[in-house]
Amino acid sequence: MLTSKQRAFLRGLANPLETILTLGKGGLSPEIYAQADSALEKRELIKGRVLVETCPVSSREAADAIAAAVHAEVVQVIGSRFVLYRKNQKEPKIVLPKAAKK
């Protein structure tokens, strides 16, 4: 679970990223899940987009479904775009700020 500070940090990193995952009229398919899984393995942070005119699911639904399928976290959903994060257990590239102790 990401803290708000970690989420803000990841949003800042995701801002300049290119969108690499696009959902269209095919909606959520096994190919989309496989593409998201392999991209997260390599990059840890990816940006996706839902083509609102043709896609049968909303961007929030798509982000939640993909995150659940590939064991990732939804960082943010704005309009038709979303950002997902999953830490690479073998070779982490992104170092998150520490969570505050309670």
PDB file of N, CA and C in Angstrom:
ATOM      1  N   MET A   1       0.843  -1.184   0.000  1.00  0.00           N
ATOM      2  CA  MET A   1       0.000   0.000   0.000  1.00  0.00           C
ATOM      3  C   MET A   1       0.889   1.249   0.000  1.00  0.00           C
ATOM      4  N   LEU A   2       0.594   2.141  -0.905  1.00  0.00           N
ATOM      5  CA  LEU A   2       1.379   3.364  -1.029  1.00  0.00           C
ATOM      6  C   LEU A   2       0.830   4.456  -0.120  1.00  0.00           C
ATOM      7  N   THR A   3       1.724   5.235   0.467  1.00  0.00           N
ATOM      8  CA  THR A   3       1.305   6.394   1.249  1.00  0.00           C
ATOM      9  C   THR A   3       1.059   7.557   0.292  1.00  0.00           C
ATOM     10  N   SER A   4       0.459   8.621   0.784  1.00  0.00           N
ATOM     11  CA  SER A   4       0.190   9.781  -0.073  1.00  0.00           C
ATOM     12  C   SER A   4       1.489  10.432  -0.533  1.00  0.00           C
ATOM     13  N   LYS A   5       2.505  10.400   0.306  1.00  0.00           N
ATOM     14  CA  LYS A   5       3.810  10.965  -0.063  1.00  0.00           C
ATOM     15  C   LYS A   5       4.450  10.144  -1.196  1.00  0.00           C
ATOM     16  N   GLN A   6       4.368   8.829  -1.095  1.00  0.00           N
ATOM     17  CA  GLN A   6       4.908   7.957  -2.135  1.00  0.00           C
ATOM     18  C   GLN A   6       4.128   8.121  -3.434  1.00  0.00           C
ATOM     19  N   ARG A   7       2.801   8.233  -3.326  1.00  0.00           N
ATOM     20  CA  ARG A   7       1.958   8.457  -4.504  1.00  0.00           C
ATOM     21  C   ARG A   7       2.338   9.757  -5.212  1.00  0.00           C
ATOM     22  N   ALA A   8       2.541  10.814  -4.440  1.00  0.00           N
ATOM     23  CA  ALA A   8       2.923  12.105  -5.013  1.00  0.00           C
ATOM     24  C   ALA A   8       4.283  12.001  -5.703  1.00  0.00           C
ATOM     25  N   PHE A   9       5.211  11.279  -5.096  1.00  0.00           N
ATOM     26  CA  PHE A   9       6.528  11.072  -5.682  1.00  0.00           C
ATOM     27  C   PHE A   9       6.413  10.349  -7.022  1.00  0.00           C
ATOM     28  N   LEU A  10       5.599   9.281  -7.058  1.00  0.00           N
ATOM     29  CA  LEU A  10       5.417   8.511  -8.291  1.00  0.00           C
ATOM     30  C   LEU A  10       4.684   9.312  -9.364  1.00  0.00           C
ATOM     31  N   ARG A  11       3.729  10.137  -8.952  1.00  0.00           N
ATOM     32  CA  ARG A  11       3.038  11.001  -9.932  1.00  0.00           C
ATOM     33  C   ARG A  11       4.025  11.935 -10.612  1.00  0.00           C
ATOM     34  N   GLY A  12       4.954  12.469  -9.840  1.00  0.00           N
ATOM     35  CA  GLY A  12       5.984  13.343 -10.400  1.00  0.00           C
ATOM     36  C   GLY A  12       6.876  12.615 -11.393  1.00  0.00           C
ATOM     37  N   LEU A  13       7.223  11.368 -11.081  1.00  0.00           N
ATOM     38  CA  LEU A  13       8.045  10.578 -11.996  1.00  0.00           C
ATOM     39  C   LEU A  13       7.277  10.197 -13.258  1.00  0.00           C
ATOM     40  N   ALA A  14       5.968  10.002 -13.124  1.00  0.00           N
ATOM     41  CA  ALA A  14       5.155   9.555 -14.260  1.00  0.00           C
ATOM     42  C   ALA A  14       4.813  10.679 -15.225  1.00  0.00           C
ATOM     43  N   ASN A  15       4.896  11.919 -14.760  1.00  0.00           N
ATOM     44  CA  ASN A  15       4.487  13.051 -15.590  1.00  0.00           C
ATOM     45  C   ASN A  15       5.150  13.074 -16.972  1.00  0.00           C
ATOM     46  N   PRO A  16       6.475  12.935 -17.080  1.00  0.00           N
ATOM     47  CA  PRO A  16       7.094  13.000 -18.409  1.00  0.00           C
ATOM     48  C   PRO A  16       7.037  11.690 -19.205  1.00  0.00           C
ATOM     49  N   LEU A  17       6.524  10.606 -18.617  1.00  0.00           N
ATOM     50  CA  LEU A  17       6.512   9.312 -19.297  1.00  0.00           C
ATOM     51  C   LEU A  17       5.565   9.306 -20.497  1.00  0.00           C
ATOM     52  N   GLU A  18       5.942   8.540 -21.500  1.00  0.00           N
ATOM     53  CA  GLU A  18       5.076   8.314 -22.648  1.00  0.00           C
ATOM     54  C   GLU A  18       4.031   7.260 -22.273  1.00  0.00           C
ATOM     55  N   THR A  19       2.859   7.350 -22.878  1.00  0.00           N
ATOM     56  CA  THR A  19       1.819   6.350 -22.674  1.00  0.00           C
ATOM     57  C   THR A  19       2.195   5.108 -23.470  1.00  0.00           C
ATOM     58  N   ILE A  20       2.318   3.963 -22.779  1.00  0.00           N
ATOM     59  CA  ILE A  20       2.730   2.751 -23.486  1.00  0.00           C
ATOM     60  C   ILE A  20       1.635   1.683 -23.532  1.00  0.00           C
ATOM     61  N   LEU A  21       0.553   1.901 -22.819  1.00  0.00           N
ATOM     62  CA  LEU A  21      -0.529   0.925 -22.776  1.00  0.00           C
ATOM     63  C   LEU A  21      -1.813   1.619 -23.224  1.00  0.00           C
ATOM     64  N   THR A  22      -2.416   1.133 -24.309  1.00  0.00           N
ATOM     65  CA  THR A  22      -3.628   1.767 -24.827  1.00  0.00           C
ATOM     66  C   THR A  22      -4.730   0.735 -24.947  1.00  0.00           C
ATOM     67  N   LEU A  23      -5.879   1.054 -24.352  1.00  0.00           N
ATOM     68  CA  LEU A  23      -7.041   0.178 -24.437  1.00  0.00           C
ATOM     69  C   LEU A  23      -8.044   0.777 -25.396  1.00  0.00           C
ATOM     70  N   GLY A  24      -8.489  -0.032 -26.343  1.00  0.00           N
ATOM     71  CA  GLY A  24      -9.463   0.426 -27.327  1.00  0.00           C
ATOM     72  C   GLY A  24     -10.710  -0.411 -27.282  1.00  0.00           C
ATOM     73  N   LYS A  25     -11.260  -0.709 -28.464  1.00  0.00           N
ATOM     74  CA  LYS A  25     -12.533  -1.431 -28.525  1.00  0.00           C
ATOM     75  C   LYS A  25     -12.417  -2.864 -28.029  1.00  0.00           C
ATOM     76  N   GLY A  26     -11.195  -3.415 -27.986  1.00  0.00           N
ATOM     77  CA  GLY A  26     -11.004  -4.768 -27.475  1.00  0.00           C
ATOM     78  C   GLY A  26     -11.153  -4.848 -25.966  1.00  0.00           C
ATOM     79  N   GLY A  27     -11.070  -3.695 -25.305  1.00  0.00           N
ATOM     80  CA  GLY A  27     -11.220  -3.654 -23.849  1.00  0.00           C
ATOM     81  C   GLY A  27     -10.102  -4.390 -23.135  1.00  0.00           C
ATOM     82  N   LEU A  28     -10.446  -5.017 -22.032  1.00  0.00           N
ATOM     83  CA  LEU A  28      -9.474  -5.743 -21.212  1.00  0.00           C
ATOM     84  C   LEU A  28      -9.318  -7.157 -21.758  1.00  0.00           C
ATOM     85  N   SER A  29      -8.186  -7.427 -22.364  1.00  0.00           N
ATOM     86  CA  SER A  29      -7.922  -8.738 -22.953  1.00  0.00           C
ATOM     87  C   SER A  29      -6.674  -9.338 -22.322  1.00  0.00           C
ATOM     88  N   PRO A  30      -6.447 -10.628 -22.510  1.00  0.00           N
ATOM     89  CA  PRO A  30      -5.229 -11.247 -21.976  1.00  0.00           C
ATOM     90  C   PRO A  30      -3.953 -10.584 -22.506  1.00  0.00           C
ATOM     91  N   GLU A  31      -4.011 -10.069 -23.731  1.00  0.00           N
ATOM     92  CA  GLU A  31      -2.847  -9.399 -24.307  1.00  0.00           C
ATOM     93  C   GLU A  31      -2.517  -8.117 -23.543  1.00  0.00           C
ATOM     94  N   ILE A  32      -3.543  -7.379 -23.127  1.00  0.00           N
ATOM     95  CA  ILE A  32      -3.334  -6.147 -22.361  1.00  0.00           C
ATOM     96  C   ILE A  32      -2.690  -6.470 -21.018  1.00  0.00           C
ATOM     97  N   TYR A  33      -3.188  -7.521 -20.360  1.00  0.00           N
ATOM     98  CA  TYR A  33      -2.602  -7.916 -19.076  1.00  0.00           C
ATOM     99  C   TYR A  33      -1.135  -8.334 -19.246  1.00  0.00           C
ATOM    100  N   ALA A  34      -0.847  -9.096 -20.295  1.00  0.00           N
ATOM    101  CA  ALA A  34       0.527  -9.547 -20.544  1.00  0.00           C
ATOM    102  C   ALA A  34       1.436  -8.356 -20.852  1.00  0.00           C
ATOM    103  N   GLN A  35       0.942  -7.418 -21.646  1.00  0.00           N
ATOM    104  CA  GLN A  35       1.726  -6.236 -21.991  1.00  0.00           C
ATOM    105  C   GLN A  35       2.016  -5.402 -20.735  1.00  0.00           C
ATOM    106  N   ALA A  36       1.007  -5.208 -19.894  1.00  0.00           N
ATOM    107  CA  ALA A  36       1.189  -4.445 -18.648  1.00  0.00           C
ATOM    108  C   ALA A  36       2.177  -5.151 -17.726  1.00  0.00           C
ATOM    109  N   ASP A  37       2.059  -6.474 -17.613  1.00  0.00           N
ATOM    110  CA  ASP A  37       2.940  -7.235 -16.737  1.00  0.00           C
ATOM    111  C   ASP A  37       4.393  -7.120 -17.185  1.00  0.00           C
ATOM    112  N   SER A  38       4.653  -7.270 -18.480  1.00  0.00           N
ATOM    113  CA  SER A  38       6.032  -7.199 -18.953  1.00  0.00           C
ATOM    114  C   SER A  38       6.586  -5.775 -18.857  1.00  0.00           C
ATOM    115  N   ALA A  39       5.751  -4.775 -19.116  1.00  0.00           N
ATOM    116  CA  ALA A  39       6.199  -3.380 -19.010  1.00  0.00           C
ATOM    117  C   ALA A  39       6.524  -3.026 -17.559  1.00  0.00           C
ATOM    118  N   LEU A  40       5.699  -3.476 -16.629  1.00  0.00           N
ATOM    119  CA  LEU A  40       5.955  -3.210 -15.207  1.00  0.00           C
ATOM    120  C   LEU A  40       7.216  -3.925 -14.739  1.00  0.00           C
ATOM    121  N   GLU A  41       7.483  -5.095 -15.275  1.00  0.00           N
ATOM    122  CA  GLU A  41       8.693  -5.835 -14.917  1.00  0.00           C
ATOM    123  C   GLU A  41       9.940  -5.048 -15.311  1.00  0.00           C
ATOM    124  N   LYS A  42       9.883  -4.398 -16.462  1.00  0.00           N
ATOM    125  CA  LYS A  42      11.048  -3.660 -16.953  1.00  0.00           C
ATOM    126  C   LYS A  42      11.135  -2.243 -16.398  1.00  0.00           C
ATOM    127  N   ARG A  43       9.986  -1.561 -16.277  1.00  0.00           N
ATOM    128  CA  ARG A  43      10.001  -0.129 -15.950  1.00  0.00           C
ATOM    129  C   ARG A  43       9.549   0.224 -14.542  1.00  0.00           C
ATOM    130  N   GLU A  44       8.744  -0.618 -13.931  1.00  0.00           N
ATOM    131  CA  GLU A  44       8.140  -0.401 -12.606  1.00  0.00           C
ATOM    132  C   GLU A  44       7.011   0.624 -12.618  1.00  0.00           C
ATOM    133  N   LEU A  45       7.051   1.596 -13.494  1.00  0.00           N
ATOM    134  CA  LEU A  45       6.041   2.656 -13.538  1.00  0.00           C
ATOM    135  C   LEU A  45       5.598   2.831 -14.988  1.00  0.00           C
ATOM    136  N   ILE A  46       4.299   2.654 -15.245  1.00  0.00           N
ATOM    137  CA  ILE A  46       3.809   2.799 -16.617  1.00  0.00           C
ATOM    138  C   ILE A  46       2.576   3.689 -16.654  1.00  0.00           C
ATOM    139  N   LYS A  47       2.372   4.279 -17.820  1.00  0.00           N
ATOM    140  CA  LYS A  47       1.214   5.135 -18.035  1.00  0.00           C
ATOM    141  C   LYS A  47       0.344   4.471 -19.096  1.00  0.00           C
ATOM    142  N   GLY A  48      -0.957   4.436 -18.832  1.00  0.00           N
ATOM    143  CA  GLY A  48      -1.905   3.842 -19.768  1.00  0.00           C
ATOM    144  C   GLY A  48      -2.987   4.830 -20.144  1.00  0.00           C
ATOM    145  N   ARG A  49      -3.705   4.481 -21.210  1.00  0.00           N
ATOM    146  CA  ARG A  49      -4.754   5.359 -21.716  1.00  0.00           C
ATOM    147  C   ARG A  49      -5.915   4.515 -22.202  1.00  0.00           C
ATOM    148  N   VAL A  50      -7.120   5.007 -21.958  1.00  0.00           N
ATOM    149  CA  VAL A  50      -8.337   4.358 -22.436  1.00  0.00           C
ATOM    150  C   VAL A  50      -8.933   5.245 -23.519  1.00  0.00           C
ATOM    151  N   LEU A  51      -9.207   4.653 -24.686  1.00  0.00           N
ATOM    152  CA  LEU A  51      -9.868   5.402 -25.754  1.00  0.00           C
ATOM    153  C   LEU A  51     -11.353   5.457 -25.417  1.00  0.00           C
ATOM    154  N   VAL A  52     -11.777   6.589 -24.891  1.00  0.00           N
ATOM    155  CA  VAL A  52     -13.118   6.746 -24.316  1.00  0.00           C
ATOM    156  C   VAL A  52     -14.218   6.441 -25.327  1.00  0.00           C
ATOM    157  N   GLU A  53     -14.002   6.813 -26.585  1.00  0.00           N
ATOM    158  CA  GLU A  53     -15.046   6.642 -27.598  1.00  0.00           C
ATOM    159  C   GLU A  53     -15.339   5.170 -27.884  1.00  0.00           C
ATOM    160  N   THR A  54     -14.319   4.305 -27.802  1.00  0.00           N
ATOM    161  CA  THR A  54     -14.501   2.920 -28.230  1.00  0.00           C
ATOM    162  C   THR A  54     -14.392   1.882 -27.123  1.00  0.00           C
ATOM    163  N   CYS A  55     -13.705   2.178 -26.038  1.00  0.00           N
ATOM    164  CA  CYS A  55     -13.461   1.184 -24.994  1.00  0.00           C
ATOM    165  C   CYS A  55     -14.715   0.964 -24.137  1.00  0.00           C
ATOM    166  N   PRO A  56     -15.053  -0.306 -23.889  1.00  0.00           N
ATOM    167  CA  PRO A  56     -16.263  -0.598 -23.104  1.00  0.00           C
ATOM    168  C   PRO A  56     -16.123  -0.347 -21.596  1.00  0.00           C
ATOM    169  N   VAL A  57     -14.905  -0.095 -21.091  1.00  0.00           N
ATOM    170  CA  VAL A  57     -14.710   0.149 -19.657  1.00  0.00           C
ATOM    171  C   VAL A  57     -14.143   1.552 -19.439  1.00  0.00           C
ATOM    172  N   SER A  58     -14.384   2.090 -18.246  1.00  0.00           N
ATOM    173  CA  SER A  58     -13.852   3.418 -17.915  1.00  0.00           C
ATOM    174  C   SER A  58     -12.374   3.294 -17.549  1.00  0.00           C
ATOM    175  N   SER A  59     -11.702   4.420 -17.465  1.00  0.00           N
ATOM    176  CA  SER A  59     -10.283   4.389 -17.118  1.00  0.00           C
ATOM    177  C   SER A  59     -10.073   3.886 -15.692  1.00  0.00           C
ATOM    178  N   ARG A  60     -10.951   4.226 -14.761  1.00  0.00           N
ATOM    179  CA  ARG A  60     -10.847   3.745 -13.380  1.00  0.00           C
ATOM    180  C   ARG A  60     -11.022   2.229 -13.325  1.00  0.00           C
ATOM    181  N   GLU A  61     -12.030   1.718 -14.027  1.00  0.00           N
ATOM    182  CA  GLU A  61     -12.269   0.270 -14.055  1.00  0.00           C
ATOM    183  C   GLU A  61     -11.085  -0.465 -14.678  1.00  0.00           C
ATOM    184  N   ALA A  62     -10.556   0.087 -15.768  1.00  0.00           N
ATOM    185  CA  ALA A  62      -9.419  -0.536 -16.445  1.00  0.00           C
ATOM    186  C   ALA A  62      -8.192  -0.553 -15.534  1.00  0.00           C
ATOM    187  N   ALA A  63      -7.899   0.577 -14.893  1.00  0.00           N
ATOM    188  CA  ALA A  63      -6.737   0.663 -14.010  1.00  0.00           C
ATOM    189  C   ALA A  63      -6.857  -0.328 -12.853  1.00  0.00           C
ATOM    190  N   ASP A  64      -8.028  -0.393 -12.235  1.00  0.00           N
ATOM    191  CA  ASP A  64      -8.236  -1.306 -11.109  1.00  0.00           C
ATOM    192  C   ASP A  64      -8.114  -2.768 -11.540  1.00  0.00           C
ATOM    193  N   ALA A  65      -8.686  -3.100 -12.693  1.00  0.00           N
ATOM    194  CA  ALA A  65      -8.653  -4.483 -13.183  1.00  0.00           C
ATOM    195  C   ALA A  65      -7.236  -4.911 -13.551  1.00  0.00           C
ATOM    196  N   ILE A  66      -6.519  -4.048 -14.242  1.00  0.00           N
ATOM    197  CA  ILE A  66      -5.145  -4.385 -14.634  1.00  0.00           C
ATOM    198  C   ILE A  66      -4.258  -4.485 -13.403  1.00  0.00           C
ATOM    199  N   ALA A  67      -4.399  -3.542 -12.474  1.00  0.00           N
ATOM    200  CA  ALA A  67      -3.595  -3.564 -11.248  1.00  0.00           C
ATOM    201  C   ALA A  67      -3.831  -4.853 -10.456  1.00  0.00           C
ATOM    202  N   ALA A  68      -5.082  -5.273 -10.354  1.00  0.00           N
ATOM    203  CA  ALA A  68      -5.394  -6.495  -9.618  1.00  0.00           C
ATOM    204  C   ALA A  68      -4.807  -7.721 -10.325  1.00  0.00           C
ATOM    205  N   ALA A  69      -4.866  -7.734 -11.648  1.00  0.00           N
ATOM    206  CA  ALA A  69      -4.386  -8.887 -12.409  1.00  0.00           C
ATOM    207  C   ALA A  69      -2.868  -9.033 -12.370  1.00  0.00           C
ATOM    208  N   VAL A  70      -2.147  -7.921 -12.347  1.00  0.00           N
ATOM    209  CA  VAL A  70      -0.678  -7.987 -12.401  1.00  0.00           C
ATOM    210  C   VAL A  70      -0.022  -7.650 -11.061  1.00  0.00           C
ATOM    211  N   HIS A  71      -0.829  -7.559 -10.006  1.00  0.00           N
ATOM    212  CA  HIS A  71      -0.346  -7.283  -8.646  1.00  0.00           C
ATOM    213  C   HIS A  71       0.411  -5.956  -8.584  1.00  0.00           C
ATOM    214  N   ALA A  72      -0.223  -4.903  -9.100  1.00  0.00           N
ATOM    215  CA  ALA A  72       0.374  -3.571  -9.115  1.00  0.00           C
ATOM    216  C   ALA A  72      -0.499  -2.628  -8.281  1.00  0.00           C
ATOM    217  N   GLU A  73      -0.047  -1.391  -8.157  1.00  0.00           N
ATOM    218  CA  GLU A  73      -0.780  -0.350  -7.438  1.00  0.00           C
ATOM    219  C   GLU A  73      -1.214   0.719  -8.430  1.00  0.00           C
ATOM    220  N   VAL A  74      -2.442   1.208  -8.273  1.00  0.00           N
ATOM    221  CA  VAL A  74      -2.896   2.339  -9.074  1.00  0.00           C
ATOM    222  C   VAL A  74      -2.359   3.598  -8.411  1.00  0.00           C
ATOM    223  N   VAL A  75      -1.549   4.355  -9.138  1.00  0.00           N
ATOM    224  CA  VAL A  75      -0.978   5.588  -8.598  1.00  0.00           C
ATOM    225  C   VAL A  75      -1.964   6.728  -8.786  1.00  0.00           C
ATOM    226  N   GLN A  76      -2.519   6.849  -9.999  1.00  0.00           N
ATOM    227  CA  GLN A  76      -3.484   7.909 -10.247  1.00  0.00           C
ATOM    228  C   GLN A  76      -4.299   7.603 -11.487  1.00  0.00           C
ATOM    229  N   VAL A  77      -5.491   8.172 -11.522  1.00  0.00           N
ATOM    230  CA  VAL A  77      -6.361   8.121 -12.696  1.00  0.00           C
ATOM    231  C   VAL A  77      -6.855   9.535 -12.934  1.00  0.00           C
ATOM    232  N   ILE A  78      -6.546  10.079 -14.096  1.00  0.00           N
ATOM    233  CA  ILE A  78      -7.016  11.422 -14.468  1.00  0.00           C
ATOM    234  C   ILE A  78      -7.588  11.340 -15.869  1.00  0.00           C
ATOM    235  N   GLY A  79      -8.863  11.623 -15.994  1.00  0.00           N
ATOM    236  CA  GLY A  79      -9.510  11.576 -17.305  1.00  0.00           C
ATOM    237  C   GLY A  79      -9.408  10.189 -17.906  1.00  0.00           C
ATOM    238  N   SER A  80      -8.825  10.105 -19.092  1.00  0.00           N
ATOM    239  CA  SER A  80      -8.706   8.814 -19.767  1.00  0.00           C
ATOM    240  C   SER A  80      -7.359   8.142 -19.505  1.00  0.00           C
ATOM    241  N   ARG A  81      -6.505   8.752 -18.697  1.00  0.00           N
ATOM    242  CA  ARG A  81      -5.169   8.208 -18.441  1.00  0.00           C
ATOM    243  C   ARG A  81      -5.039   7.676 -17.011  1.00  0.00           C
ATOM    244  N   PHE A  82      -4.146   6.695 -16.868  1.00  0.00           N
ATOM    245  CA  PHE A  82      -3.882   6.135 -15.547  1.00  0.00           C
ATOM    246  C   PHE A  82      -2.412   5.748 -15.433  1.00  0.00           C
ATOM    247  N   VAL A  83      -1.941   5.652 -14.196  1.00  0.00           N
ATOM    248  CA  VAL A  83      -0.547   5.303 -13.915  1.00  0.00           C
ATOM    249  C   VAL A  83      -0.533   4.124 -12.950  1.00  0.00           C
ATOM    250  N   LEU A  84       0.290   3.113 -13.274  1.00  0.00           N
ATOM    251  CA  LEU A  84       0.424   1.927 -12.440  1.00  0.00           C
ATOM    252  C   LEU A  84       1.873   1.773 -11.988  1.00  0.00           C
ATOM    253  N   TYR A  85       2.057   1.213 -10.782  1.00  0.00           N
ATOM    254  CA  TYR A  85       3.394   0.985 -10.224  1.00  0.00           C
ATOM    255  C   TYR A  85       3.463  -0.412  -9.618  1.00  0.00           C
ATOM    256  N   ARG A  86       4.568  -1.072  -9.889  1.00  0.00           N
ATOM    257  CA  ARG A  86       4.875  -2.344  -9.225  1.00  0.00           C
ATOM    258  C   ARG A  86       6.379  -2.429  -9.034  1.00  0.00           C
ATOM    259  N   LYS A  87       6.807  -2.630  -7.810  1.00  0.00           N
ATOM    260  CA  LYS A  87       8.243  -2.709  -7.505  1.00  0.00           C
ATOM    261  C   LYS A  87       8.819  -3.987  -8.102  1.00  0.00           C
ATOM    262  N   ASN A  88       9.962  -3.858  -8.740  1.00  0.00           N
ATOM    263  CA  ASN A  88      10.699  -5.008  -9.247  1.00  0.00           C
ATOM    264  C   ASN A  88      11.460  -5.608  -8.073  1.00  0.00           C
ATOM    265  N   GLN A  89      11.150  -6.832  -7.709  1.00  0.00           N
ATOM    266  CA  GLN A  89      11.748  -7.446  -6.522  1.00  0.00           C
ATOM    267  C   GLN A  89      13.225  -7.772  -6.713  1.00  0.00           C
ATOM    268  N   LYS A  90      13.640  -8.074  -7.953  1.00  0.00           N
ATOM    269  CA  LYS A  90      15.031  -8.455  -8.200  1.00  0.00           C
ATOM    270  C   LYS A  90      15.941  -7.242  -8.357  1.00  0.00           C
ATOM    271  N   GLU A  91      15.540  -6.288  -9.193  1.00  0.00           N
ATOM    272  CA  GLU A  91      16.362  -5.111  -9.481  1.00  0.00           C
ATOM    273  C   GLU A  91      15.513  -3.846  -9.415  1.00  0.00           C
ATOM    274  N   PRO A  92      15.218  -3.327  -8.218  1.00  0.00           N
ATOM    275  CA  PRO A  92      14.394  -2.118  -8.136  1.00  0.00           C
ATOM    276  C   PRO A  92      15.096  -0.906  -8.745  1.00  0.00           C
ATOM    277  N   LYS A  93      14.368  -0.154  -9.550  1.00  0.00           N
ATOM    278  CA  LYS A  93      14.908   1.043 -10.193  1.00  0.00           C
ATOM    279  C   LYS A  93      14.460   2.312  -9.471  1.00  0.00           C
ATOM    280  N   ILE A  94      13.283   2.259  -8.864  1.00  0.00           N
ATOM    281  CA  ILE A  94      12.712   3.430  -8.192  1.00  0.00           C
ATOM    282  C   ILE A  94      12.802   3.223  -6.687  1.00  0.00           C
ATOM    283  N   VAL A  95      13.371   4.200  -6.001  1.00  0.00           N
ATOM    284  CA  VAL A  95      13.449   4.163  -4.538  1.00  0.00           C
ATOM    285  C   VAL A  95      12.392   5.111  -3.993  1.00  0.00           C
ATOM    286  N   LEU A  96      11.392   4.539  -3.321  1.00  0.00           N
ATOM    287  CA  LEU A  96      10.301   5.336  -2.776  1.00  0.00           C
ATOM    288  C   LEU A  96      10.714   6.014  -1.478  1.00  0.00           C
ATOM    289  N   PRO A  97      10.126   7.195  -1.187  1.00  0.00           N
ATOM    290  CA  PRO A  97      10.361   7.809   0.123  1.00  0.00           C
ATOM    291  C   PRO A  97       9.824   6.890   1.218  1.00  0.00           C
ATOM    292  N   LYS A  98      10.470   6.903   2.362  1.00  0.00           N
ATOM    293  CA  LYS A  98      10.057   6.046   3.471  1.00  0.00           C
ATOM    294  C   LYS A  98       8.690   6.451   3.995  1.00  0.00           C
ATOM    295  N   ALA A  99       7.915   5.461   4.415  1.00  0.00           N
ATOM    296  CA  ALA A  99       6.614   5.729   5.018  1.00  0.00           C
ATOM    297  C   ALA A  99       6.824   6.241   6.440  1.00  0.00           C
ATOM    298  N   ALA A 100       6.038   7.212   6.843  1.00  0.00           N
ATOM    299  CA  ALA A 100       6.140   7.767   8.197  1.00  0.00           C
ATOM    300  C   ALA A 100       5.687   6.718   9.211  1.00  0.00           C
ATOM    301  N   LYS A 101       6.392   6.639  10.337  1.00  0.00           N
ATOM    302  CA  LYS A 101       6.034   5.678  11.388  1.00  0.00           C
ATOM    303  C   LYS A 101       4.923   6.275  12.226  1.00  0.00           C
ATOM    304  N   LYS A 102       4.017   5.392  12.658  1.00  0.00           N
ATOM    305  CA  LYS A 102       2.883   5.834  13.470  1.00  0.00           C
ATOM    306  C   LYS A 102       3.167   5.652  14.930  1.00  0.00           C
TER     307      LYS A 102
END
